[in-house]
Amino acid sequence: MKNVPMSPQKMREMVRQIQGLPALQAQAVLKIVPRKSARFVAKTLDSAIANAEHNNKVKPETLLVKEAVAGAATSLKRFTPKARGSAGPIVKRRCHIKITVSDE
């Protein structure tokens, strides 16, 4: 998933929790976590499982989350007015999520 409107630091907390787990167990973990980042990671994991199932004819029960990475994407830079006519920067960070599933 590309250009997710959330900082990579917040996303990495969720991604680290599912790394190395069986894919179906990782889905169950993400369903009970009440964080916005969990929804984005769950959506990406569902896509990875569906791709493996459709393209490689692999059963979801045999899949493991081999790699799960959240990296920085381009940031939106904005400015807000401050005292005495100056401006303060606002950086709206974005991230890319990459999840690799494998049956080995």
PDB file of N, CA and C in Angstrom:
ATOM      1  N   MET A   1       0.853  -1.163   0.000  1.00  0.00           N
ATOM      2  CA  MET A   1       0.000   0.000   0.000  1.00  0.00           C
ATOM      3  C   MET A   1       0.901   1.229   0.000  1.00  0.00           C
ATOM      4  N   LYS A   2       0.588   2.177  -0.833  1.00  0.00           N
ATOM      5  CA  LYS A   2       1.441   3.350  -0.986  1.00  0.00           C
ATOM      6  C   LYS A   2       0.746   4.611  -0.467  1.00  0.00           C
ATOM      7  N   ASN A   3       1.547   5.534   0.012  1.00  0.00           N
ATOM      8  CA  ASN A   3       1.088   6.858   0.457  1.00  0.00           C
ATOM      9  C   ASN A   3      -0.050   6.810   1.477  1.00  0.00           C
ATOM     10  N   VAL A   4       0.158   6.032   2.518  1.00  0.00           N
ATOM     11  CA  VAL A   4      -0.813   5.953   3.613  1.00  0.00           C
ATOM     12  C   VAL A   4      -0.639   7.209   4.471  1.00  0.00           C
ATOM     13  N   PRO A   5      -1.725   7.934   4.763  1.00  0.00           N
ATOM     14  CA  PRO A   5      -1.590   9.191   5.501  1.00  0.00           C
ATOM     15  C   PRO A   5      -1.362   8.990   6.997  1.00  0.00           C
ATOM     16  N   MET A   6      -0.220   8.426   7.341  1.00  0.00           N
ATOM     17  CA  MET A   6       0.157   8.195   8.727  1.00  0.00           C
ATOM     18  C   MET A   6       1.682   8.129   8.799  1.00  0.00           C
ATOM     19  N   SER A   7       2.237   8.522   9.917  1.00  0.00           N
ATOM     20  CA  SER A   7       3.692   8.529  10.023  1.00  0.00           C
ATOM     21  C   SER A   7       4.239   7.100  10.052  1.00  0.00           C
ATOM     22  N   PRO A   8       5.413   6.885   9.475  1.00  0.00           N
ATOM     23  CA  PRO A   8       6.000   5.547   9.458  1.00  0.00           C
ATOM     24  C   PRO A   8       6.284   5.017  10.859  1.00  0.00           C
ATOM     25  N   GLN A   9       6.577   5.899  11.790  1.00  0.00           N
ATOM     26  CA  GLN A   9       6.877   5.482  13.160  1.00  0.00           C
ATOM     27  C   GLN A   9       5.655   4.815  13.808  1.00  0.00           C
ATOM     28  N   LYS A  10       4.476   5.390  13.614  1.00  0.00           N
ATOM     29  CA  LYS A  10       3.249   4.805  14.163  1.00  0.00           C
ATOM     30  C   LYS A  10       2.910   3.496  13.455  1.00  0.00           C
ATOM     31  N   MET A  11       3.184   3.447  12.166  1.00  0.00           N
ATOM     32  CA  MET A  11       2.864   2.254  11.390  1.00  0.00           C
ATOM     33  C   MET A  11       3.788   1.092  11.747  1.00  0.00           C
ATOM     34  N   ARG A  12       5.059   1.387  12.031  1.00  0.00           N
ATOM     35  CA  ARG A  12       6.026   0.329  12.367  1.00  0.00           C
ATOM     36  C   ARG A  12       5.640  -0.423  13.637  1.00  0.00           C
ATOM     37  N   GLU A  13       4.978   0.255  14.581  1.00  0.00           N
ATOM     38  CA  GLU A  13       4.537  -0.410  15.805  1.00  0.00           C
ATOM     39  C   GLU A  13       3.583  -1.558  15.484  1.00  0.00           C
ATOM     40  N   MET A  14       2.683  -1.364  14.527  1.00  0.00           N
ATOM     41  CA  MET A  14       1.740  -2.413  14.150  1.00  0.00           C
ATOM     42  C   MET A  14       2.418  -3.490  13.313  1.00  0.00           C
ATOM     43  N   VAL A  15       3.266  -3.075  12.408  1.00  0.00           N
ATOM     44  CA  VAL A  15       3.900  -4.014  11.478  1.00  0.00           C
ATOM     45  C   VAL A  15       4.811  -4.984  12.223  1.00  0.00           C
ATOM     46  N   ARG A  16       5.477  -4.505  13.257  1.00  0.00           N
ATOM     47  CA  ARG A  16       6.374  -5.376  14.029  1.00  0.00           C
ATOM     48  C   ARG A  16       5.607  -6.460  14.778  1.00  0.00           C
ATOM     49  N   GLN A  17       4.360  -6.205  15.138  1.00  0.00           N
ATOM     50  CA  GLN A  17       3.578  -7.175  15.896  1.00  0.00           C
ATOM     51  C   GLN A  17       3.189  -8.393  15.072  1.00  0.00           C
ATOM     52  N   ILE A  18       3.056  -8.244  13.744  1.00  0.00           N
ATOM     53  CA  ILE A  18       2.604  -9.372  12.930  1.00  0.00           C
ATOM     54  C   ILE A  18       3.740 -10.096  12.220  1.00  0.00           C
ATOM     55  N   GLN A  19       4.929  -9.558  12.265  1.00  0.00           N
ATOM     56  CA  GLN A  19       6.045 -10.167  11.539  1.00  0.00           C
ATOM     57  C   GLN A  19       6.375 -11.546  12.112  1.00  0.00           C
ATOM     58  N   GLY A  20       6.429 -12.554  11.238  1.00  0.00           N
ATOM     59  CA  GLY A  20       6.760 -13.906  11.652  1.00  0.00           C
ATOM     60  C   GLY A  20       5.572 -14.759  12.064  1.00  0.00           C
ATOM     61  N   LEU A  21       4.380 -14.172  12.149  1.00  0.00           N
ATOM     62  CA  LEU A  21       3.191 -14.922  12.539  1.00  0.00           C
ATOM     63  C   LEU A  21       2.582 -15.636  11.327  1.00  0.00           C
ATOM     64  N   PRO A  22       1.807 -16.691  11.562  1.00  0.00           N
ATOM     65  CA  PRO A  22       0.998 -17.245  10.472  1.00  0.00           C
ATOM     66  C   PRO A  22       0.001 -16.181   9.996  1.00  0.00           C
ATOM     67  N   ALA A  23      -0.299 -16.192   8.716  1.00  0.00           N
ATOM     68  CA  ALA A  23      -1.106 -15.120   8.125  1.00  0.00           C
ATOM     69  C   ALA A  23      -2.491 -15.008   8.761  1.00  0.00           C
ATOM     70  N   LEU A  24      -3.142 -16.128   9.013  1.00  0.00           N
ATOM     71  CA  LEU A  24      -4.486 -16.068   9.602  1.00  0.00           C
ATOM     72  C   LEU A  24      -4.456 -15.583  11.052  1.00  0.00           C
ATOM     73  N   GLN A  25      -3.409 -15.921  11.774  1.00  0.00           N
ATOM     74  CA  GLN A  25      -3.255 -15.432  13.147  1.00  0.00           C
ATOM     75  C   GLN A  25      -2.966 -13.932  13.136  1.00  0.00           C
ATOM     76  N   ALA A  26      -2.183 -13.474  12.167  1.00  0.00           N
ATOM     77  CA  ALA A  26      -1.894 -12.039  12.039  1.00  0.00           C
ATOM     78  C   ALA A  26      -3.172 -11.266  11.739  1.00  0.00           C
ATOM     79  N   GLN A  27      -4.054 -11.828  10.915  1.00  0.00           N
ATOM     80  CA  GLN A  27      -5.335 -11.185  10.636  1.00  0.00           C
ATOM     81  C   GLN A  27      -6.166 -11.062  11.911  1.00  0.00           C
ATOM     82  N   ALA A  28      -6.163 -12.111  12.709  1.00  0.00           N
ATOM     83  CA  ALA A  28      -6.937 -12.087  13.955  1.00  0.00           C
ATOM     84  C   ALA A  28      -6.391 -11.041  14.918  1.00  0.00           C
ATOM     85  N   VAL A  29      -5.074 -10.916  14.995  1.00  0.00           N
ATOM     86  CA  VAL A  29      -4.451  -9.918  15.867  1.00  0.00           C
ATOM     87  C   VAL A  29      -4.847  -8.515  15.422  1.00  0.00           C
ATOM     88  N   LEU A  30      -4.813  -8.273  14.116  1.00  0.00           N
ATOM     89  CA  LEU A  30      -5.108  -6.935  13.599  1.00  0.00           C
ATOM     90  C   LEU A  30      -6.578  -6.564  13.776  1.00  0.00           C
ATOM     91  N   LYS A  31      -7.462  -7.553  13.800  1.00  0.00           N
ATOM     92  CA  LYS A  31      -8.891  -7.250  13.975  1.00  0.00           C
ATOM     93  C   LYS A  31      -9.206  -6.725  15.366  1.00  0.00           C
ATOM     94  N   ILE A  32      -8.466  -7.180  16.384  1.00  0.00           N
ATOM     95  CA  ILE A  32      -8.812  -6.771  17.747  1.00  0.00           C
ATOM     96  C   ILE A  32      -8.060  -5.518  18.214  1.00  0.00           C
ATOM     97  N   VAL A  33      -7.072  -5.062  17.437  1.00  0.00           N
ATOM     98  CA  VAL A  33      -6.305  -3.876  17.839  1.00  0.00           C
ATOM     99  C   VAL A  33      -7.076  -2.617  17.434  1.00  0.00           C
ATOM    100  N   PRO A  34      -7.409  -1.722  18.368  1.00  0.00           N
ATOM    101  CA  PRO A  34      -8.221  -0.548  18.059  1.00  0.00           C
ATOM    102  C   PRO A  34      -7.399   0.657  17.603  1.00  0.00           C
ATOM    103  N   ARG A  35      -6.582   0.495  16.582  1.00  0.00           N
ATOM    104  CA  ARG A  35      -5.765   1.607  16.094  1.00  0.00           C
ATOM    105  C   ARG A  35      -6.010   1.800  14.609  1.00  0.00           C
ATOM    106  N   LYS A  36      -5.863   3.030  14.165  1.00  0.00           N
ATOM    107  CA  LYS A  36      -6.039   3.341  12.752  1.00  0.00           C
ATOM    108  C   LYS A  36      -4.998   2.609  11.905  1.00  0.00           C
ATOM    109  N   SER A  37      -3.782   2.515  12.422  1.00  0.00           N
ATOM    110  CA  SER A  37      -2.717   1.849  11.672  1.00  0.00           C
ATOM    111  C   SER A  37      -3.026   0.369  11.470  1.00  0.00           C
ATOM    112  N   ALA A  38      -3.741  -0.262  12.397  1.00  0.00           N
ATOM    113  CA  ALA A  38      -4.094  -1.675  12.270  1.00  0.00           C
ATOM    114  C   ALA A  38      -5.023  -1.897  11.086  1.00  0.00           C
ATOM    115  N   ARG A  39      -5.903  -0.939  10.817  1.00  0.00           N
ATOM    116  CA  ARG A  39      -6.813  -1.078   9.672  1.00  0.00           C
ATOM    117  C   ARG A  39      -6.043  -1.060   8.358  1.00  0.00           C
ATOM    118  N   PHE A  40      -5.063  -0.173   8.241  1.00  0.00           N
ATOM    119  CA  PHE A  40      -4.268  -0.099   7.008  1.00  0.00           C
ATOM    120  C   PHE A  40      -3.423  -1.356   6.822  1.00  0.00           C
ATOM    121  N   VAL A  41      -2.819  -1.836   7.894  1.00  0.00           N
ATOM    122  CA  VAL A  41      -1.995  -3.048   7.816  1.00  0.00           C
ATOM    123  C   VAL A  41      -2.869  -4.256   7.500  1.00  0.00           C
ATOM    124  N   ALA A  42      -4.061  -4.330   8.074  1.00  0.00           N
ATOM    125  CA  ALA A  42      -4.976  -5.439   7.810  1.00  0.00           C
ATOM    126  C   ALA A  42      -5.395  -5.455   6.346  1.00  0.00           C
ATOM    127  N   LYS A  43      -5.654  -4.294   5.796  1.00  0.00           N
ATOM    128  CA  LYS A  43      -6.049  -4.200   4.395  1.00  0.00           C
ATOM    129  C   LYS A  43      -4.921  -4.674   3.483  1.00  0.00           C
ATOM    130  N   THR A  44      -3.700  -4.297   3.807  1.00  0.00           N
ATOM    131  CA  THR A  44      -2.540  -4.720   3.025  1.00  0.00           C
ATOM    132  C   THR A  44      -2.314  -6.216   3.161  1.00  0.00           C
ATOM    133  N   LEU A  45      -2.457  -6.747   4.371  1.00  0.00           N
ATOM    134  CA  LEU A  45      -2.290  -8.186   4.588  1.00  0.00           C
ATOM    135  C   LEU A  45      -3.355  -8.983   3.842  1.00  0.00           C
ATOM    136  N   ASP A  46      -4.599  -8.519   3.856  1.00  0.00           N
ATOM    137  CA  ASP A  46      -5.667  -9.189   3.113  1.00  0.00           C
ATOM    138  C   ASP A  46      -5.339  -9.243   1.622  1.00  0.00           C
ATOM    139  N   SER A  47      -4.796  -8.156   1.110  1.00  0.00           N
ATOM    140  CA  SER A  47      -4.413  -8.102  -0.302  1.00  0.00           C
ATOM    141  C   SER A  47      -3.281  -9.081  -0.610  1.00  0.00           C
ATOM    142  N   ALA A  48      -2.299  -9.162   0.288  1.00  0.00           N
ATOM    143  CA  ALA A  48      -1.171 -10.080   0.086  1.00  0.00           C
ATOM    144  C   ALA A  48      -1.637 -11.533   0.100  1.00  0.00           C
ATOM    145  N   ILE A  49      -2.556 -11.864   1.008  1.00  0.00           N
ATOM    146  CA  ILE A  49      -3.083 -13.224   1.089  1.00  0.00           C
ATOM    147  C   ILE A  49      -3.896 -13.558  -0.163  1.00  0.00           C
ATOM    148  N   ALA A  50      -4.727 -12.614  -0.618  1.00  0.00           N
ATOM    149  CA  ALA A  50      -5.536 -12.834  -1.816  1.00  0.00           C
ATOM    150  C   ALA A  50      -4.658 -13.004  -3.053  1.00  0.00           C
ATOM    151  N   ASN A  51      -3.577 -12.226  -3.135  1.00  0.00           N
ATOM    152  CA  ASN A  51      -2.657 -12.354  -4.270  1.00  0.00           C
ATOM    153  C   ASN A  51      -1.985 -13.718  -4.276  1.00  0.00           C
ATOM    154  N   ALA A  52      -1.547 -14.192  -3.115  1.00  0.00           N
ATOM    155  CA  ALA A  52      -0.895 -15.496  -3.028  1.00  0.00           C
ATOM    156  C   ALA A  52      -1.877 -16.606  -3.383  1.00  0.00           C
ATOM    157  N   GLU A  53      -3.109 -16.450  -2.929  1.00  0.00           N
ATOM    158  CA  GLU A  53      -4.131 -17.458  -3.174  1.00  0.00           C
ATOM    159  C   GLU A  53      -4.499 -17.514  -4.665  1.00  0.00           C
ATOM    160  N   HIS A  54      -4.653 -16.353  -5.273  1.00  0.00           N
ATOM    161  CA  HIS A  54      -5.090 -16.296  -6.670  1.00  0.00           C
ATOM    162  C   HIS A  54      -3.954 -16.573  -7.652  1.00  0.00           C
ATOM    163  N   ASN A  55      -2.800 -15.948  -7.449  1.00  0.00           N
ATOM    164  CA  ASN A  55      -1.708 -16.056  -8.420  1.00  0.00           C
ATOM    165  C   ASN A  55      -0.924 -17.355  -8.291  1.00  0.00           C
ATOM    166  N   ASN A  56      -0.685 -17.808  -7.057  1.00  0.00           N
ATOM    167  CA  ASN A  56       0.175 -18.975  -6.840  1.00  0.00           C
ATOM    168  C   ASN A  56      -0.570 -20.214  -6.356  1.00  0.00           C
ATOM    169  N   LYS A  57      -1.903 -20.123  -6.237  1.00  0.00           N
ATOM    170  CA  LYS A  57      -2.736 -21.255  -5.808  1.00  0.00           C
ATOM    171  C   LYS A  57      -2.269 -21.838  -4.476  1.00  0.00           C
ATOM    172  N   VAL A  58      -1.993 -20.957  -3.507  1.00  0.00           N
ATOM    173  CA  VAL A  58      -1.537 -21.365  -2.177  1.00  0.00           C
ATOM    174  C   VAL A  58      -2.697 -21.215  -1.203  1.00  0.00           C
ATOM    175  N   LYS A  59      -2.842 -22.171  -0.298  1.00  0.00           N
ATOM    176  CA  LYS A  59      -3.903 -22.095   0.705  1.00  0.00           C
ATOM    177  C   LYS A  59      -3.511 -21.091   1.796  1.00  0.00           C
ATOM    178  N   PRO A  60      -4.443 -20.255   2.243  1.00  0.00           N
ATOM    179  CA  PRO A  60      -4.132 -19.242   3.265  1.00  0.00           C
ATOM    180  C   PRO A  60      -3.656 -19.830   4.589  1.00  0.00           C
ATOM    181  N   GLU A  61      -4.047 -21.072   4.898  1.00  0.00           N
ATOM    182  CA  GLU A  61      -3.661 -21.697   6.169  1.00  0.00           C
ATOM    183  C   GLU A  61      -2.158 -21.973   6.230  1.00  0.00           C
ATOM    184  N   THR A  62      -1.514 -22.087   5.075  1.00  0.00           N
ATOM    185  CA  THR A  62      -0.082 -22.422   5.047  1.00  0.00           C
ATOM    186  C   THR A  62       0.812 -21.193   4.999  1.00  0.00           C
ATOM    187  N   LEU A  63       0.232 -20.013   4.862  1.00  0.00           N
ATOM    188  CA  LEU A  63       1.031 -18.793   4.674  1.00  0.00           C
ATOM    189  C   LEU A  63       1.574 -18.235   5.989  1.00  0.00           C
ATOM    190  N   LEU A  64       2.786 -17.701   5.925  1.00  0.00           N
ATOM    191  CA  LEU A  64       3.424 -16.988   7.032  1.00  0.00           C
ATOM    192  C   LEU A  64       3.748 -15.568   6.591  1.00  0.00           C
ATOM    193  N   VAL A  65       3.704 -14.639   7.520  1.00  0.00           N
ATOM    194  CA  VAL A  65       4.136 -13.269   7.226  1.00  0.00           C
ATOM    195  C   VAL A  65       5.659 -13.265   7.314  1.00  0.00           C
ATOM    196  N   LYS A  66       6.297 -13.313   6.150  1.00  0.00           N
ATOM    197  CA  LYS A  66       7.756 -13.414   6.112  1.00  0.00           C
ATOM    198  C   LYS A  66       8.407 -12.058   6.380  1.00  0.00           C
ATOM    199  N   GLU A  67       7.856 -11.014   5.774  1.00  0.00           N
ATOM    200  CA  GLU A  67       8.431  -9.675   5.916  1.00  0.00           C
ATOM    201  C   GLU A  67       7.296  -8.665   5.983  1.00  0.00           C
ATOM    202  N   ALA A  68       7.412  -7.711   6.889  1.00  0.00           N
ATOM    203  CA  ALA A  68       6.444  -6.625   7.007  1.00  0.00           C
ATOM    204  C   ALA A  68       7.216  -5.352   7.318  1.00  0.00           C
ATOM    205  N   VAL A  69       7.141  -4.387   6.397  1.00  0.00           N
ATOM    206  CA  VAL A  69       7.959  -3.179   6.498  1.00  0.00           C
ATOM    207  C   VAL A  69       7.083  -1.947   6.284  1.00  0.00           C
ATOM    208  N   ALA A  70       7.338  -0.905   7.046  1.00  0.00           N
ATOM    209  CA  ALA A  70       6.702   0.391   6.835  1.00  0.00           C
ATOM    210  C   ALA A  70       7.808   1.418   6.628  1.00  0.00           C
ATOM    211  N   GLY A  71       7.856   1.993   5.450  1.00  0.00           N
ATOM    212  CA  GLY A  71       8.898   2.965   5.130  1.00  0.00           C
ATOM    213  C   GLY A  71       8.315   4.335   4.857  1.00  0.00           C
ATOM    214  N   ALA A  72       9.171   5.326   4.875  1.00  0.00           N
ATOM    215  CA  ALA A  72       8.730   6.710   4.683  1.00  0.00           C
ATOM    216  C   ALA A  72       8.406   6.977   3.216  1.00  0.00           C
ATOM    217  N   ALA A  73       7.382   7.786   3.004  1.00  0.00           N
ATOM    218  CA  ALA A  73       7.013   8.256   1.675  1.00  0.00           C
ATOM    219  C   ALA A  73       7.224   9.777   1.658  1.00  0.00           C
ATOM    220  N   THR A  74       6.808  10.415   0.604  1.00  0.00           N
ATOM    221  CA  THR A  74       6.960  11.863   0.537  1.00  0.00           C
ATOM    222  C   THR A  74       6.050  12.531   1.564  1.00  0.00           C
ATOM    223  N   SER A  75       6.532  13.582   2.175  1.00  0.00           N
ATOM    224  CA  SER A  75       5.777  14.294   3.201  1.00  0.00           C
ATOM    225  C   SER A  75       5.166  15.560   2.627  1.00  0.00           C
ATOM    226  N   LEU A  76       3.988  15.905   3.103  1.00  0.00           N
ATOM    227  CA  LEU A  76       3.376  17.174   2.734  1.00  0.00           C
ATOM    228  C   LEU A  76       3.898  18.235   3.692  1.00  0.00           C
ATOM    229  N   LYS A  77       4.368  19.332   3.151  1.00  0.00           N
ATOM    230  CA  LYS A  77       4.914  20.400   3.990  1.00  0.00           C
ATOM    231  C   LYS A  77       3.973  21.591   3.940  1.00  0.00           C
ATOM    232  N   ARG A  78       3.520  22.019   5.107  1.00  0.00           N
ATOM    233  CA  ARG A  78       2.613  23.145   5.239  1.00  0.00           C
ATOM    234  C   ARG A  78       3.176  24.101   6.280  1.00  0.00           C
ATOM    235  N   PHE A  79       2.600  25.303   6.335  1.00  0.00           N
ATOM    236  CA  PHE A  79       3.036  26.285   7.320  1.00  0.00           C
ATOM    237  C   PHE A  79       1.829  26.848   8.048  1.00  0.00           C
ATOM    238  N   THR A  80       2.001  27.134   9.323  1.00  0.00           N
ATOM    239  CA  THR A  80       0.954  27.737  10.129  1.00  0.00           C
ATOM    240  C   THR A  80       1.457  29.063  10.686  1.00  0.00           C
ATOM    241  N   PRO A  81       0.595  30.063  10.794  1.00  0.00           N
ATOM    242  CA  PRO A  81       1.022  31.358  11.318  1.00  0.00           C
ATOM    243  C   PRO A  81       1.417  31.281  12.794  1.00  0.00           C
ATOM    244  N   LYS A  82       2.468  31.996  13.126  1.00  0.00           N
ATOM    245  CA  LYS A  82       2.961  32.057  14.504  1.00  0.00           C
ATOM    246  C   LYS A  82       3.024  33.518  14.942  1.00  0.00           C
ATOM    247  N   ALA A  83       3.530  33.725  16.131  1.00  0.00           N
ATOM    248  CA  ALA A  83       3.600  35.077  16.696  1.00  0.00           C
ATOM    249  C   ALA A  83       4.576  35.961  15.924  1.00  0.00           C
ATOM    250  N   ARG A  84       4.321  37.237  15.929  1.00  0.00           N
ATOM    251  CA  ARG A  84       5.165  38.266  15.319  1.00  0.00           C
ATOM    252  C   ARG A  84       5.369  38.068  13.824  1.00  0.00           C
ATOM    253  N   GLY A  85       4.345  37.548  13.161  1.00  0.00           N
ATOM    254  CA  GLY A  85       4.400  37.444  11.706  1.00  0.00           C
ATOM    255  C   GLY A  85       5.259  36.319  11.156  1.00  0.00           C
ATOM    256  N   SER A  86       5.730  35.432  12.010  1.00  0.00           N
ATOM    257  CA  SER A  86       6.548  34.330  11.503  1.00  0.00           C
ATOM    258  C   SER A  86       5.658  33.135  11.167  1.00  0.00           C
ATOM    259  N   ALA A  87       6.268  32.095  10.620  1.00  0.00           N
ATOM    260  CA  ALA A  87       5.516  30.902  10.244  1.00  0.00           C
ATOM    261  C   ALA A  87       6.194  29.672  10.831  1.00  0.00           C
ATOM    262  N   GLY A  88       5.391  28.720  11.254  1.00  0.00           N
ATOM    263  CA  GLY A  88       5.918  27.476  11.796  1.00  0.00           C
ATOM    264  C   GLY A  88       5.604  26.319  10.853  1.00  0.00           C
ATOM    265  N   PRO A  89       6.554  25.425  10.634  1.00  0.00           N
ATOM    266  CA  PRO A  89       6.316  24.325   9.694  1.00  0.00           C
ATOM    267  C   PRO A  89       5.419  23.232  10.270  1.00  0.00           C
ATOM    268  N   ILE A  90       4.626  22.639   9.399  1.00  0.00           N
ATOM    269  CA  ILE A  90       3.843  21.448   9.714  1.00  0.00           C
ATOM    270  C   ILE A  90       4.251  20.404   8.690  1.00  0.00           C
ATOM    271  N   VAL A  91       4.659  19.224   9.145  1.00  0.00           N
ATOM    272  CA  VAL A  91       5.038  18.148   8.234  1.00  0.00           C
ATOM    273  C   VAL A  91       4.019  17.027   8.394  1.00  0.00           C
ATOM    274  N   LYS A  92       3.267  16.779   7.331  1.00  0.00           N
ATOM    275  CA  LYS A  92       2.276  15.700   7.337  1.00  0.00           C
ATOM    276  C   LYS A  92       2.914  14.485   6.689  1.00  0.00           C
ATOM    277  N   ARG A  93       3.321  13.561   7.528  1.00  0.00           N
ATOM    278  CA  ARG A  93       4.092  12.416   7.042  1.00  0.00           C
ATOM    279  C   ARG A  93       3.190  11.339   6.444  1.00  0.00           C
ATOM    280  N   ARG A  94       3.767  10.603   5.499  1.00  0.00           N
ATOM    281  CA  ARG A  94       3.084   9.483   4.846  1.00  0.00           C
ATOM    282  C   ARG A  94       4.021   8.292   4.828  1.00  0.00           C
ATOM    283  N   CYS A  95       3.471   7.107   4.591  1.00  0.00           N
ATOM    284  CA  CYS A  95       4.328   5.931   4.566  1.00  0.00           C
ATOM    285  C   CYS A  95       3.850   4.919   3.529  1.00  0.00           C
ATOM    286  N   HIS A  96       4.742   4.003   3.192  1.00  0.00           N
ATOM    287  CA  HIS A  96       4.445   2.869   2.326  1.00  0.00           C
ATOM    288  C   HIS A  96       4.479   1.617   3.201  1.00  0.00           C
ATOM    289  N   ILE A  97       3.550   0.692   2.969  1.00  0.00           N
ATOM    290  CA  ILE A  97       3.523  -0.576   3.698  1.00  0.00           C
ATOM    291  C   ILE A  97       3.815  -1.699   2.712  1.00  0.00           C
ATOM    292  N   LYS A  98       4.729  -2.585   3.093  1.00  0.00           N
ATOM    293  CA  LYS A  98       5.068  -3.738   2.251  1.00  0.00           C
ATOM    294  C   LYS A  98       4.994  -4.985   3.120  1.00  0.00           C
ATOM    295  N   ILE A  99       4.149  -5.947   2.713  1.00  0.00           N
ATOM    296  CA  ILE A  99       4.017  -7.202   3.441  1.00  0.00           C
ATOM    297  C   ILE A  99       4.270  -8.348   2.464  1.00  0.00           C
ATOM    298  N   THR A 100       5.192  -9.241   2.841  1.00  0.00           N
ATOM    299  CA  THR A 100       5.529 -10.408   2.047  1.00  0.00           C
ATOM    300  C   THR A 100       5.056 -11.643   2.784  1.00  0.00           C
ATOM    301  N   VAL A 101       4.233 -12.473   2.114  1.00  0.00           N
ATOM    302  CA  VAL A 101       3.794 -13.728   2.708  1.00  0.00           C
ATOM    303  C   VAL A 101       4.421 -14.877   1.934  1.00  0.00           C
ATOM    304  N   SER A 102       4.713 -15.957   2.650  1.00  0.00           N
ATOM    305  CA  SER A 102       5.368 -17.109   2.044  1.00  0.00           C
ATOM    306  C   SER A 102       4.810 -18.385   2.658  1.00  0.00           C
ATOM    307  N   ASP A 103       4.855 -19.475   1.900  1.00  0.00           N
ATOM    308  CA  ASP A 103       4.376 -20.753   2.435  1.00  0.00           C
ATOM    309  C   ASP A 103       5.523 -21.622   2.923  1.00  0.00           C
ATOM    310  N   GLU A 104       6.706 -21.069   3.011  1.00  0.00           N
ATOM    311  CA  GLU A 104       7.884 -21.823   3.460  1.00  0.00           C
ATOM    312  C   GLU A 104       8.223 -21.494   4.904  1.00  0.00           C
TER     313      GLU A 104
END
